[in-house]
Amino acid sequence: MPALVLVLRLALGSTLIGAGAVKVPHPEQLAAAIAGFRLLPPSVTAPLAIALPYFEVLVGLYLVIGLFTRIAAWVACVQFV
């Protein structure tokens, strides 16, 4: 069981790192995608598009390194919802 948890933690962490790394160089495209959902006010869209990729990478690194794993896993679950 601990080996399965390790594999899943590493898979989830590397997925978040990859997803965040792809978004970092193109915040304008992410802002357009966020704005397309029309769930948030326009004043929030640009700051969220800049901060979200770095936050994803940070949570993914926490999962891969094994630091604050329980908290990082809950944060990742909330992100996916």
Protein backbone atom coordinates (compact mmCIF):
# COMPACT_ATOMS: atom_id res chain seq x y z
CA MET A 1 0.00 0.00 0.00
CA PRO A 2 2.73 2.58 0.78
CA ALA A 3 4.31 1.91 -2.63
CA LEU A 4 1.00 2.62 -4.37
CA VAL A 5 0.61 5.88 -2.45
CA LEU A 6 4.15 6.88 -3.45
CA VAL A 7 3.52 6.15 -7.13
CA LEU A 8 0.23 8.05 -7.13
CA ARG A 9 1.78 10.99 -5.27
CA LEU A 10 4.64 11.18 -7.77
CA ALA A 11 2.25 10.90 -10.72
CA LEU A 12 -0.04 13.63 -9.42
CA GLY A 13 2.90 15.86 -8.51
CA SER A 14 4.57 15.51 -11.89
CA THR A 15 1.24 16.15 -13.63
CA LEU A 16 0.84 19.40 -11.72
CA ILE A 17 4.44 20.42 -12.40
CA GLY A 18 4.01 19.73 -16.12
CA ALA A 19 0.67 21.53 -16.33
CA GLY A 20 2.04 24.57 -14.53
CA ALA A 21 5.24 24.65 -16.54
CA VAL A 22 3.31 24.67 -19.81
CA LYS A 23 1.21 27.64 -18.65
CA VAL A 24 4.05 29.81 -17.27
CA PRO A 25 5.31 31.26 -20.58
CA HIS A 26 1.82 32.12 -21.90
CA PRO A 27 -0.25 33.87 -19.22
CA GLU A 28 -2.27 35.76 -21.83
CA GLN A 29 -3.64 32.50 -23.26
CA LEU A 30 -4.53 31.28 -19.79
CA ALA A 31 -6.24 34.60 -19.02
CA ALA A 32 -8.31 34.25 -22.20
CA ALA A 33 -9.28 30.70 -21.22
CA ILE A 34 -10.27 31.78 -17.70
CA ALA A 35 -12.25 34.74 -19.07
CA GLY A 36 -14.05 32.40 -21.46
CA PHE A 37 -15.75 30.63 -18.56
CA ARG A 38 -17.27 33.95 -17.39
CA LEU A 39 -17.21 32.84 -13.74
CA LEU A 40 -14.86 35.50 -12.38
CA PRO A 41 -14.81 39.26 -12.73
CA PRO A 42 -12.37 40.60 -15.34
CA SER A 43 -10.27 42.29 -12.66
CA VAL A 44 -9.40 38.87 -11.20
CA THR A 45 -8.60 37.11 -14.46
CA ALA A 46 -5.14 38.59 -15.18
CA PRO A 47 -3.67 38.16 -11.67
CA LEU A 48 -5.05 34.62 -11.51
CA ALA A 49 -3.52 33.77 -14.89
CA ILE A 50 -0.12 34.93 -13.65
CA ALA A 51 -0.24 33.25 -10.22
CA LEU A 52 -1.99 29.95 -11.00
CA PRO A 53 0.82 28.25 -12.96
CA TYR A 54 3.38 28.98 -10.24
CA PHE A 55 0.96 27.73 -7.59
CA GLU A 56 0.44 24.48 -9.55
CA VAL A 57 4.19 23.97 -9.83
CA LEU A 58 4.63 24.64 -6.10
CA VAL A 59 1.92 22.14 -5.09
CA GLY A 60 3.38 19.58 -7.50
CA LEU A 61 6.85 20.06 -6.04
CA TYR A 62 5.51 19.57 -2.52
CA LEU A 63 3.94 16.29 -3.61
CA VAL A 64 7.05 15.04 -5.42
CA ILE A 65 9.43 16.03 -2.63
CA GLY A 66 7.11 14.67 0.04
CA LEU A 67 6.77 17.90 1.99
CA PHE A 68 3.37 18.65 3.54
CA THR A 69 1.94 15.80 1.48
CA ARG A 70 -1.46 15.63 3.13
CA ILE A 71 -2.06 19.37 2.81
CA ALA A 72 -0.67 19.45 -0.75
CA ALA A 73 -2.92 16.55 -1.74
CA TRP A 74 -6.00 18.37 -0.40
CA VAL A 75 -4.99 21.55 -2.21
CA ALA A 76 -4.54 19.56 -5.44
CA CYS A 77 -8.00 18.01 -4.97
CA VAL A 78 -9.54 21.45 -4.55
CA GLN A 79 -7.71 22.65 -7.65
CA PHE A 80 -9.08 19.80 -9.72
CA VAL A 81 -12.63 20.49 -8.58
